[in-house]
Amino acid sequence: MIDGLKKLEQKLARMSRPSKTEIRGALTKGADRIANLARNLVPVEDGDLKRSIRTEQGRHELAMDVKAGGDLTQRPVRTGVTAPEFDYAGAVEGKSPYFFPAYRAVKKSVQRDISKAIKNAASLDSKS
């Protein structure tokens, strides 16, 4: 279990819908910025890896995940063998990094935007 998760869930439950919308907007914008930069940095062979970079809803309503890989990037381990498959997204990251450089490049500005949204959300909740 994650330390403080129950406390966080309780705080999220007390937040108003407009506050959550404000924060979710900043999270979505930040995740999109990371994904877009990763798409620009990824080496392109056939474009599958680039197309596999996406944002998804995270574990709770105020979480976003940026992912690469999946069905588009799975290949057979050996020619003619259908299982098991190997997801080459991680192998490319090791040889020619694209994911973490994208994250590190925009991390501080994304964190600033999210902090600003949280402060705006707090002021929305204090007014209601």
C-alpha atoms as a PDB file:
ATOM      1  CA  MET A   1       0.000   0.000   0.000  1.00  0.00           C
ATOM      2  CA  ILE A   2       1.199   3.518  -0.762  1.00  0.00           C
ATOM      3  CA  ASP A   3       1.871   5.738   2.269  1.00  0.00           C
ATOM      4  CA  GLY A   4      -0.714   8.480   2.581  1.00  0.00           C
ATOM      5  CA  LEU A   5      -2.998   7.105  -0.143  1.00  0.00           C
ATOM      6  CA  LYS A   6      -6.045   6.909   2.114  1.00  0.00           C
ATOM      7  CA  LYS A   7      -5.528  10.521   3.220  1.00  0.00           C
ATOM      8  CA  LEU A   8      -5.174  11.630  -0.407  1.00  0.00           C
ATOM      9  CA  GLU A   9      -8.364   9.792  -1.385  1.00  0.00           C
ATOM     10  CA  GLN A  10     -10.224  11.506   1.464  1.00  0.00           C
ATOM     11  CA  LYS A  11      -8.996  14.926   0.314  1.00  0.00           C
ATOM     12  CA  LEU A  12      -9.974  14.156  -3.284  1.00  0.00           C
ATOM     13  CA  ALA A  13     -13.452  13.149  -2.138  1.00  0.00           C
ATOM     14  CA  ARG A  14     -13.896  16.542  -0.434  1.00  0.00           C
ATOM     15  CA  MET A  15     -12.856  18.553  -3.504  1.00  0.00           C
ATOM     16  CA  SER A  16     -15.508  20.261  -5.566  1.00  0.00           C
ATOM     17  CA  ARG A  17     -16.104  19.341  -9.191  1.00  0.00           C
ATOM     18  CA  PRO A  18     -14.781  22.707 -10.514  1.00  0.00           C
ATOM     19  CA  SER A  19     -11.585  22.230  -8.481  1.00  0.00           C
ATOM     20  CA  LYS A  20     -11.035  18.755  -9.887  1.00  0.00           C
ATOM     21  CA  THR A  21     -11.704  20.048 -13.397  1.00  0.00           C
ATOM     22  CA  GLU A  22      -9.094  22.788 -12.929  1.00  0.00           C
ATOM     23  CA  ILE A  23      -6.442  20.305 -11.760  1.00  0.00           C
ATOM     24  CA  ARG A  24      -7.372  17.657 -14.343  1.00  0.00           C
ATOM     25  CA  GLY A  25      -6.898  20.237 -17.105  1.00  0.00           C
ATOM     26  CA  ALA A  26      -3.344  20.981 -15.960  1.00  0.00           C
ATOM     27  CA  LEU A  27      -2.544  17.276 -15.607  1.00  0.00           C
ATOM     28  CA  THR A  28      -3.879  16.501 -19.082  1.00  0.00           C
ATOM     29  CA  LYS A  29      -2.001  19.421 -20.622  1.00  0.00           C
ATOM     30  CA  GLY A  30       1.238  18.342 -18.924  1.00  0.00           C
ATOM     31  CA  ALA A  31       0.860  14.708 -19.994  1.00  0.00           C
ATOM     32  CA  ASP A  32       0.150  15.825 -23.559  1.00  0.00           C
ATOM     33  CA  ARG A  33       3.285  18.005 -23.560  1.00  0.00           C
ATOM     34  CA  ILE A  34       5.434  15.066 -22.421  1.00  0.00           C
ATOM     35  CA  ALA A  35       3.858  12.708 -24.977  1.00  0.00           C
ATOM     36  CA  ASN A  36       4.258  15.200 -27.828  1.00  0.00           C
ATOM     37  CA  LEU A  37       7.922  15.798 -27.041  1.00  0.00           C
ATOM     38  CA  ALA A  38       8.549  12.043 -26.749  1.00  0.00           C
ATOM     39  CA  ARG A  39       6.944  11.581 -30.187  1.00  0.00           C
ATOM     40  CA  ASN A  40       9.355  14.178 -31.574  1.00  0.00           C
ATOM     41  CA  LEU A  41      12.390  12.526 -29.954  1.00  0.00           C
ATOM     42  CA  VAL A  42      11.639   8.864 -30.705  1.00  0.00           C
ATOM     43  CA  PRO A  43      13.668   7.256 -33.501  1.00  0.00           C
ATOM     44  CA  VAL A  44      11.350   6.317 -36.364  1.00  0.00           C
ATOM     45  CA  GLU A  45      11.728   3.102 -38.326  1.00  0.00           C
ATOM     46  CA  ASP A  46       8.188   2.207 -39.307  1.00  0.00           C
ATOM     47  CA  GLY A  47       6.350   4.677 -37.064  1.00  0.00           C
ATOM     48  CA  ASP A  48       4.703   2.094 -34.794  1.00  0.00           C
ATOM     49  CA  LEU A  49       6.582   3.198 -31.695  1.00  0.00           C
ATOM     50  CA  LYS A  50       5.824   6.856 -32.380  1.00  0.00           C
ATOM     51  CA  ARG A  51       2.115   6.063 -32.808  1.00  0.00           C
ATOM     52  CA  SER A  52       2.120   4.020 -29.591  1.00  0.00           C
ATOM     53  CA  ILE A  53       3.063   7.012 -27.397  1.00  0.00           C
ATOM     54  CA  ARG A  54      -0.137   8.071 -25.679  1.00  0.00           C
ATOM     55  CA  THR A  55      -1.719   9.489 -22.544  1.00  0.00           C
ATOM     56  CA  GLU A  56      -4.205   7.512 -20.477  1.00  0.00           C
ATOM     57  CA  GLN A  57      -6.272   8.028 -17.366  1.00  0.00           C
ATOM     58  CA  GLY A  58      -4.223   7.037 -14.308  1.00  0.00           C
ATOM     59  CA  ARG A  59      -5.181   5.029 -11.230  1.00  0.00           C
ATOM     60  CA  HIS A  60      -7.545   7.682  -9.894  1.00  0.00           C
ATOM     61  CA  GLU A  61      -9.484  10.603 -11.311  1.00  0.00           C
ATOM     62  CA  LEU A  62      -6.630  13.069 -10.877  1.00  0.00           C
ATOM     63  CA  ALA A  63      -3.861  10.989 -12.426  1.00  0.00           C
ATOM     64  CA  MET A  64      -2.575  10.786 -15.987  1.00  0.00           C
ATOM     65  CA  ASP A  65      -0.158   8.227 -17.404  1.00  0.00           C
ATOM     66  CA  VAL A  66       2.111   8.718 -20.399  1.00  0.00           C
ATOM     67  CA  LYS A  67       2.861   5.367 -22.025  1.00  0.00           C
ATOM     68  CA  ALA A  68       4.707   3.927 -24.983  1.00  0.00           C
ATOM     69  CA  GLY A  69       4.489   0.439 -26.408  1.00  0.00           C
ATOM     70  CA  GLY A  70       1.722  -2.108 -26.369  1.00  0.00           C
ATOM     71  CA  ASP A  71       0.042  -3.883 -29.271  1.00  0.00           C
ATOM     72  CA  LEU A  72       1.651  -1.690 -31.930  1.00  0.00           C
ATOM     73  CA  THR A  73       5.198  -2.465 -30.811  1.00  0.00           C
ATOM     74  CA  GLN A  74       4.991  -6.153 -30.001  1.00  0.00           C
ATOM     75  CA  ARG A  75       7.007  -8.434 -32.243  1.00  0.00           C
ATOM     76  CA  PRO A  76       7.667 -12.184 -32.206  1.00  0.00           C
ATOM     77  CA  VAL A  77      10.843 -13.197 -30.418  1.00  0.00           C
ATOM     78  CA  ARG A  78      11.800 -15.341 -33.413  1.00  0.00           C
ATOM     79  CA  THR A  79      10.463 -15.373 -36.946  1.00  0.00           C
ATOM     80  CA  GLY A  80       7.644 -17.878 -37.280  1.00  0.00           C
ATOM     81  CA  VAL A  81       6.987 -18.086 -33.535  1.00  0.00           C
ATOM     82  CA  THR A  82       3.752 -16.418 -32.423  1.00  0.00           C
ATOM     83  CA  ALA A  83       4.370 -16.525 -28.675  1.00  0.00           C
ATOM     84  CA  PRO A  84       5.954 -15.072 -26.684  1.00  0.00           C
ATOM     85  CA  GLU A  85       6.082 -11.567 -28.053  1.00  0.00           C
ATOM     86  CA  PHE A  86       8.620  -8.880 -27.220  1.00  0.00           C
ATOM     87  CA  ASP A  87       7.649  -5.225 -26.799  1.00  0.00           C
ATOM     88  CA  TYR A  88      10.512  -3.325 -28.394  1.00  0.00           C
ATOM     89  CA  ALA A  89       9.501   0.061 -26.917  1.00  0.00           C
ATOM     90  CA  GLY A  90      11.737  -0.527 -23.896  1.00  0.00           C
ATOM     91  CA  ALA A  91      14.627  -1.794 -26.011  1.00  0.00           C
ATOM     92  CA  VAL A  92      14.593   1.385 -28.108  1.00  0.00           C
ATOM     93  CA  GLU A  93      14.568   3.535 -24.956  1.00  0.00           C
ATOM     94  CA  GLY A  94      17.769   1.802 -23.843  1.00  0.00           C
ATOM     95  CA  LYS A  95      19.566   2.416 -27.161  1.00  0.00           C
ATOM     96  CA  SER A  96      18.173   5.802 -28.112  1.00  0.00           C
ATOM     97  CA  PRO A  97      16.416   7.493 -25.178  1.00  0.00           C
ATOM     98  CA  TYR A  98      13.267   9.436 -26.007  1.00  0.00           C
ATOM     99  CA  PHE A  99      10.852   8.961 -23.129  1.00  0.00           C
ATOM    100  CA  PHE A 100      12.769  10.132 -20.060  1.00  0.00           C
ATOM    101  CA  PRO A 101      14.519  12.989 -21.877  1.00  0.00           C
ATOM    102  CA  ALA A 102      11.067  14.274 -22.836  1.00  0.00           C
ATOM    103  CA  TYR A 103       9.897  13.946 -19.238  1.00  0.00           C
ATOM    104  CA  ARG A 104      12.977  15.672 -17.825  1.00  0.00           C
ATOM    105  CA  ALA A 105      12.804  18.496 -20.379  1.00  0.00           C
ATOM    106  CA  VAL A 106       9.313  19.645 -19.372  1.00  0.00           C
ATOM    107  CA  LYS A 107       9.067  18.321 -15.797  1.00  0.00           C
ATOM    108  CA  LYS A 108       9.610  21.637 -13.997  1.00  0.00           C
ATOM    109  CA  SER A 109       7.239  23.664 -16.155  1.00  0.00           C
ATOM    110  CA  VAL A 110       4.562  20.942 -15.926  1.00  0.00           C
ATOM    111  CA  GLN A 111       4.964  20.860 -12.140  1.00  0.00           C
ATOM    112  CA  ARG A 112       4.622  24.668 -12.052  1.00  0.00           C
ATOM    113  CA  ASP A 113       1.429  24.512 -14.116  1.00  0.00           C
ATOM    114  CA  ILE A 114      -0.022  21.801 -11.868  1.00  0.00           C
ATOM    115  CA  SER A 115       0.903  23.752  -8.716  1.00  0.00           C
ATOM    116  CA  LYS A 116      -0.764  26.843 -10.148  1.00  0.00           C
ATOM    117  CA  ALA A 117      -3.896  24.813 -10.941  1.00  0.00           C
ATOM    118  CA  ILE A 118      -3.944  23.411  -7.394  1.00  0.00           C
ATOM    119  CA  LYS A 119      -3.741  26.934  -5.947  1.00  0.00           C
ATOM    120  CA  ASN A 120      -6.557  28.062  -8.245  1.00  0.00           C
ATOM    121  CA  ALA A 121      -8.586  25.015  -7.221  1.00  0.00           C
ATOM    122  CA  ALA A 122      -8.005  25.764  -3.538  1.00  0.00           C
ATOM    123  CA  SER A 123      -9.307  29.285  -4.051  1.00  0.00           C
ATOM    124  CA  LEU A 124     -12.372  27.863  -5.846  1.00  0.00           C
ATOM    125  CA  ASP A 125     -13.072  25.558  -2.885  1.00  0.00           C
ATOM    126  CA  SER A 126     -12.545  28.332  -0.322  1.00  0.00           C
ATOM    127  CA  LYS A 127     -15.149  30.498  -2.094  1.00  0.00           C
ATOM    128  CA  SER A 128     -17.815  27.792  -1.973  1.00  0.00           C
END
